[in-house]
Amino acid sequence: MFTGVLPLLSKESAIVGYIGCFLSLGSVVYLREILPFREPFTNNIAIVANYVILSVFIAASMIETETLSEIYVSDFGLGCFLVAVNILLLLMILYGGLLRYFEKIRNVKEKTKNRIHIEWGVTLSKTKFDRTLSALTKRIPTSHLVVYYYTSLSEAEAIVQHNGVPA
């Protein structure tokens, strides 16, 4: 909407800049109040992105109305500011994506840690079961159950695939 419809609203660039400021400010207020996305970080990125759009429209309005010279800011300085703001937004997006990626990896590790697994009992030491049971009693709450189920290798693989011991 900001790049497709907005330029068609007026022939004067300053008016388009003011309308853009108003609409982007309205978008910021809407996003802050409604929070339309499920992920909180996505809402934050949308809000910051709309602030970036607002800053671009304010800069465009300042250029069109020639107020940059009144506040002693050059076109180059304003351009550097806008580039820095966009780079910061990009870095924020990359950082959020990286955090979500590491969270997914951690969740997968947590799920696989608690999954049923096969342990070949022939090569274990004589004290393996005692050590395992004593370690499990410290970690597992009383509402859970630990089962040692002796079976053939093919049936054990089927149990792991279906994630459950037959009743």
C-alpha atoms as a PDB file:
ATOM      1  CA  MET A   1       0.000   0.000   0.000  1.00  0.00           C
ATOM      2  CA  PHE A   2       2.787   2.444   0.883  1.00  0.00           C
ATOM      3  CA  THR A   3       4.533   2.067  -2.462  1.00  0.00           C
ATOM      4  CA  GLY A   4       1.620   1.222  -4.763  1.00  0.00           C
ATOM      5  CA  VAL A   5      -1.398   3.257  -3.679  1.00  0.00           C
ATOM      6  CA  LEU A   6       0.106   6.151  -1.747  1.00  0.00           C
ATOM      7  CA  PRO A   7       1.793   7.898  -4.705  1.00  0.00           C
ATOM      8  CA  LEU A   8      -1.558   7.979  -6.520  1.00  0.00           C
ATOM      9  CA  LEU A   9      -3.320   9.938  -3.756  1.00  0.00           C
ATOM     10  CA  SER A  10      -1.856  13.337  -4.650  1.00  0.00           C
ATOM     11  CA  LYS A  11       0.320  14.993  -7.253  1.00  0.00           C
ATOM     12  CA  GLU A  12       2.203  16.967  -4.612  1.00  0.00           C
ATOM     13  CA  SER A  13       5.053  15.026  -3.046  1.00  0.00           C
ATOM     14  CA  ALA A  14       4.791  16.832   0.298  1.00  0.00           C
ATOM     15  CA  ILE A  15       1.156  15.813   0.714  1.00  0.00           C
ATOM     16  CA  VAL A  16       2.023  12.201  -0.149  1.00  0.00           C
ATOM     17  CA  GLY A  17       4.768  12.372   2.506  1.00  0.00           C
ATOM     18  CA  TYR A  18       2.335  13.665   5.132  1.00  0.00           C
ATOM     19  CA  ILE A  19      -0.264  11.024   4.248  1.00  0.00           C
ATOM     20  CA  GLY A  20       2.496   8.389   4.463  1.00  0.00           C
ATOM     21  CA  CYS A  21       3.504   9.663   7.912  1.00  0.00           C
ATOM     22  CA  PHE A  22      -0.084   9.525   9.088  1.00  0.00           C
ATOM     23  CA  LEU A  23      -0.715   6.016   7.693  1.00  0.00           C
ATOM     24  CA  SER A  24       2.551   4.585   9.007  1.00  0.00           C
ATOM     25  CA  LEU A  25       1.899   6.081  12.434  1.00  0.00           C
ATOM     26  CA  GLY A  26      -1.572   4.515  12.309  1.00  0.00           C
ATOM     27  CA  SER A  27       0.028   1.164  11.409  1.00  0.00           C
ATOM     28  CA  VAL A  28       2.371   1.419  14.394  1.00  0.00           C
ATOM     29  CA  VAL A  29      -0.533   2.133  16.753  1.00  0.00           C
ATOM     30  CA  TYR A  30      -2.572  -0.717  15.249  1.00  0.00           C
ATOM     31  CA  LEU A  31       0.283  -3.226  15.554  1.00  0.00           C
ATOM     32  CA  ARG A  32       1.106  -2.168  19.126  1.00  0.00           C
ATOM     33  CA  GLU A  33      -2.494  -2.489  20.259  1.00  0.00           C
ATOM     34  CA  ILE A  34      -3.642  -5.583  18.337  1.00  0.00           C
ATOM     35  CA  LEU A  35      -0.414  -7.669  18.205  1.00  0.00           C
ATOM     36  CA  PRO A  36      -1.690  -9.721  15.252  1.00  0.00           C
ATOM     37  CA  PHE A  37       1.102 -12.307  15.130  1.00  0.00           C
ATOM     38  CA  ARG A  38       1.451 -15.418  17.275  1.00  0.00           C
ATOM     39  CA  GLU A  39       5.163 -14.943  17.922  1.00  0.00           C
ATOM     40  CA  PRO A  40       5.992 -11.922  20.113  1.00  0.00           C
ATOM     41  CA  PHE A  41       9.232 -11.274  18.240  1.00  0.00           C
ATOM     42  CA  THR A  42       7.332 -11.083  14.936  1.00  0.00           C
ATOM     43  CA  ASN A  43       5.099  -8.410  16.449  1.00  0.00           C
ATOM     44  CA  ASN A  44       8.182  -6.490  17.580  1.00  0.00           C
ATOM     45  CA  ILE A  45       9.730  -6.695  14.116  1.00  0.00           C
ATOM     46  CA  ALA A  46       6.494  -5.475  12.504  1.00  0.00           C
ATOM     47  CA  ILE A  47       6.362  -2.521  14.880  1.00  0.00           C
ATOM     48  CA  VAL A  48      10.029  -1.601  14.334  1.00  0.00           C
ATOM     49  CA  ALA A  49       9.603  -1.990  10.552  1.00  0.00           C
ATOM     50  CA  ASN A  50       6.686   0.427  10.635  1.00  0.00           C
ATOM     51  CA  TYR A  51       8.812   2.880  12.635  1.00  0.00           C
ATOM     52  CA  VAL A  52      11.403   2.595   9.866  1.00  0.00           C
ATOM     53  CA  ILE A  53       8.704   3.343   7.290  1.00  0.00           C
ATOM     54  CA  LEU A  54       7.596   6.301   9.406  1.00  0.00           C
ATOM     55  CA  SER A  55      11.163   7.616   9.525  1.00  0.00           C
ATOM     56  CA  VAL A  56      11.435   7.323   5.730  1.00  0.00           C
ATOM     57  CA  PHE A  57       8.225   9.307   5.226  1.00  0.00           C
ATOM     58  CA  ILE A  58       9.342  11.948   7.747  1.00  0.00           C
ATOM     59  CA  ALA A  59      12.651  12.206   5.882  1.00  0.00           C
ATOM     60  CA  ALA A  60      10.823  12.500   2.552  1.00  0.00           C
ATOM     61  CA  SER A  61       8.598  15.228   3.970  1.00  0.00           C
ATOM     62  CA  MET A  62      11.627  17.075   5.314  1.00  0.00           C
ATOM     63  CA  ILE A  63      13.319  16.893   1.915  1.00  0.00           C
ATOM     64  CA  GLU A  64      10.209  18.096   0.073  1.00  0.00           C
ATOM     65  CA  THR A  65       9.550  20.986   2.438  1.00  0.00           C
ATOM     66  CA  GLU A  66      13.268  21.887   2.589  1.00  0.00           C
ATOM     67  CA  THR A  67      13.376  21.820   6.386  1.00  0.00           C
ATOM     68  CA  LEU A  68      16.677  19.923   6.431  1.00  0.00           C
ATOM     69  CA  SER A  69      18.622  23.151   6.061  1.00  0.00           C
ATOM     70  CA  GLU A  70      16.771  24.672   9.006  1.00  0.00           C
ATOM     71  CA  ILE A  71      17.875  21.896  11.357  1.00  0.00           C
ATOM     72  CA  TYR A  72      21.385  21.769   9.854  1.00  0.00           C
ATOM     73  CA  VAL A  73      21.197  18.229   8.454  1.00  0.00           C
ATOM     74  CA  SER A  74      22.626  17.451   5.024  1.00  0.00           C
ATOM     75  CA  ASP A  75      21.021  15.136   2.513  1.00  0.00           C
ATOM     76  CA  PHE A  76      24.010  12.833   2.898  1.00  0.00           C
ATOM     77  CA  GLY A  77      23.616  12.744   6.699  1.00  0.00           C
ATOM     78  CA  LEU A  78      19.926  11.945   6.370  1.00  0.00           C
ATOM     79  CA  GLY A  79      20.711   9.211   3.866  1.00  0.00           C
ATOM     80  CA  CYS A  80      23.307   7.703   6.212  1.00  0.00           C
ATOM     81  CA  PHE A  81      20.771   7.762   9.031  1.00  0.00           C
ATOM     82  CA  LEU A  82      18.162   5.951   6.912  1.00  0.00           C
ATOM     83  CA  VAL A  83      20.696   3.331   5.779  1.00  0.00           C
ATOM     84  CA  ALA A  84      21.774   2.741   9.390  1.00  0.00           C
ATOM     85  CA  VAL A  85      18.156   2.351  10.518  1.00  0.00           C
ATOM     86  CA  ASN A  86      17.475  -0.216   7.783  1.00  0.00           C
ATOM     87  CA  ILE A  87      20.663  -2.140   8.592  1.00  0.00           C
ATOM     88  CA  LEU A  88      19.683  -2.227  12.277  1.00  0.00           C
ATOM     89  CA  LEU A  89      16.274  -3.612  11.311  1.00  0.00           C
ATOM     90  CA  LEU A  90      17.951  -6.288   9.192  1.00  0.00           C
ATOM     91  CA  LEU A  91      20.289  -7.221  12.044  1.00  0.00           C
ATOM     92  CA  MET A  92      17.327  -7.437  14.417  1.00  0.00           C
ATOM     93  CA  ILE A  93      15.527  -9.790  12.029  1.00  0.00           C
ATOM     94  CA  LEU A  94      18.612 -11.985  11.653  1.00  0.00           C
ATOM     95  CA  TYR A  95      19.131 -12.094  15.421  1.00  0.00           C
ATOM     96  CA  GLY A  96      15.506 -13.102  16.007  1.00  0.00           C
ATOM     97  CA  GLY A  97      15.730 -15.793  13.358  1.00  0.00           C
ATOM     98  CA  LEU A  98      18.906 -17.145  14.907  1.00  0.00           C
ATOM     99  CA  LEU A  99      17.293 -17.284  18.352  1.00  0.00           C
ATOM    100  CA  ARG A 100      14.281 -19.146  16.959  1.00  0.00           C
ATOM    101  CA  TYR A 101      16.590 -21.585  15.140  1.00  0.00           C
ATOM    102  CA  PHE A 102      18.538 -22.382  18.321  1.00  0.00           C
ATOM    103  CA  GLU A 103      15.281 -22.792  20.237  1.00  0.00           C
ATOM    104  CA  LYS A 104      14.052 -25.338  17.687  1.00  0.00           C
ATOM    105  CA  ILE A 105      17.327 -27.270  17.933  1.00  0.00           C
ATOM    106  CA  ARG A 106      17.063 -27.273  21.734  1.00  0.00           C
ATOM    107  CA  ASN A 107      13.444 -28.514  21.542  1.00  0.00           C
ATOM    108  CA  VAL A 108      14.440 -31.347  19.198  1.00  0.00           C
ATOM    109  CA  LYS A 109      17.263 -32.373  21.539  1.00  0.00           C
ATOM    110  CA  GLU A 110      14.869 -32.288  24.504  1.00  0.00           C
ATOM    111  CA  LYS A 111      12.334 -34.464  22.674  1.00  0.00           C
ATOM    112  CA  THR A 112      14.909 -37.019  21.545  1.00  0.00           C
ATOM    113  CA  LYS A 113      16.415 -37.171  25.040  1.00  0.00           C
ATOM    114  CA  ASN A 114      13.122 -38.398  26.511  1.00  0.00           C
ATOM    115  CA  ARG A 115      12.284 -40.759  23.647  1.00  0.00           C
ATOM    116  CA  ILE A 116      12.296 -44.548  23.971  1.00  0.00           C
ATOM    117  CA  HIS A 117      15.594 -45.963  22.813  1.00  0.00           C
ATOM    118  CA  ILE A 118      17.199 -49.379  22.398  1.00  0.00           C
ATOM    119  CA  GLU A 119      20.276 -50.298  24.405  1.00  0.00           C
ATOM    120  CA  TRP A 120      22.063 -53.506  23.506  1.00  0.00           C
ATOM    121  CA  GLY A 121      22.194 -55.407  26.800  1.00  0.00           C
ATOM    122  CA  VAL A 122      24.791 -58.032  25.885  1.00  0.00           C
ATOM    123  CA  THR A 123      27.744 -55.640  25.945  1.00  0.00           C
ATOM    124  CA  LEU A 124      26.776 -53.822  29.153  1.00  0.00           C
ATOM    125  CA  SER A 125      28.694 -54.179  32.384  1.00  0.00           C
ATOM    126  CA  LYS A 126      27.191 -56.095  35.319  1.00  0.00           C
ATOM    127  CA  THR A 127      26.429 -52.905  37.250  1.00  0.00           C
ATOM    128  CA  LYS A 128      24.788 -51.060  34.332  1.00  0.00           C
ATOM    129  CA  PHE A 129      21.187 -51.747  35.426  1.00  0.00           C
ATOM    130  CA  ASP A 130      21.891 -50.757  39.043  1.00  0.00           C
ATOM    131  CA  ARG A 131      23.507 -47.485  37.967  1.00  0.00           C
ATOM    132  CA  THR A 132      20.712 -46.751  35.500  1.00  0.00           C
ATOM    133  CA  LEU A 133      17.977 -47.417  38.045  1.00  0.00           C
ATOM    134  CA  SER A 134      19.638 -45.296  40.710  1.00  0.00           C
ATOM    135  CA  ALA A 135      20.093 -42.444  38.221  1.00  0.00           C
ATOM    136  CA  LEU A 136      16.479 -42.722  37.063  1.00  0.00           C
ATOM    137  CA  THR A 137      15.057 -42.629  40.568  1.00  0.00           C
ATOM    138  CA  LYS A 138      16.706 -39.237  41.040  1.00  0.00           C
ATOM    139  CA  ARG A 139      15.340 -37.800  37.762  1.00  0.00           C
ATOM    140  CA  ILE A 140      11.912 -39.338  37.232  1.00  0.00           C
ATOM    141  CA  PRO A 141       8.928 -38.214  39.332  1.00  0.00           C
ATOM    142  CA  THR A 142       6.774 -40.757  41.151  1.00  0.00           C
ATOM    143  CA  SER A 143       3.977 -40.279  38.609  1.00  0.00           C
ATOM    144  CA  HIS A 144       6.101 -41.885  35.872  1.00  0.00           C
ATOM    145  CA  LEU A 145       6.955 -45.512  35.219  1.00  0.00           C
ATOM    146  CA  VAL A 146      10.216 -47.090  34.078  1.00  0.00           C
ATOM    147  CA  VAL A 147       9.896 -50.420  32.297  1.00  0.00           C
ATOM    148  CA  TYR A 148      12.580 -52.846  31.230  1.00  0.00           C
ATOM    149  CA  TYR A 149      11.045 -54.891  28.456  1.00  0.00           C
ATOM    150  CA  TYR A 150      12.985 -57.913  27.167  1.00  0.00           C
ATOM    151  CA  THR A 151      12.179 -58.813  23.578  1.00  0.00           C
ATOM    152  CA  SER A 152      13.717 -59.574  20.205  1.00  0.00           C
ATOM    153  CA  LEU A 153      15.565 -56.900  18.260  1.00  0.00           C
ATOM    154  CA  SER A 154      12.920 -56.666  15.510  1.00  0.00           C
ATOM    155  CA  GLU A 155      10.109 -56.230  18.058  1.00  0.00           C
ATOM    156  CA  ALA A 156      12.180 -53.662  19.969  1.00  0.00           C
ATOM    157  CA  GLU A 157      12.650 -51.647  16.762  1.00  0.00           C
ATOM    158  CA  ALA A 158       8.879 -51.791  16.146  1.00  0.00           C
ATOM    159  CA  ILE A 159       8.265 -50.545  19.706  1.00  0.00           C
ATOM    160  CA  VAL A 160      10.660 -47.620  19.194  1.00  0.00           C
ATOM    161  CA  GLN A 161       8.987 -46.759  15.878  1.00  0.00           C
ATOM    162  CA  HIS A 162       5.525 -46.645  17.473  1.00  0.00           C
ATOM    163  CA  ASN A 163       6.926 -45.092  20.670  1.00  0.00           C
ATOM    164  CA  GLY A 164       5.256 -47.435  23.072  1.00  0.00           C
ATOM    165  CA  VAL A 165       5.403 -50.857  24.727  1.00  0.00           C
ATOM    166  CA  PRO A 166       2.466 -53.185  23.927  1.00  0.00           C
ATOM    167  CA  ALA A 167       0.046 -53.656  26.790  1.00  0.00           C
END
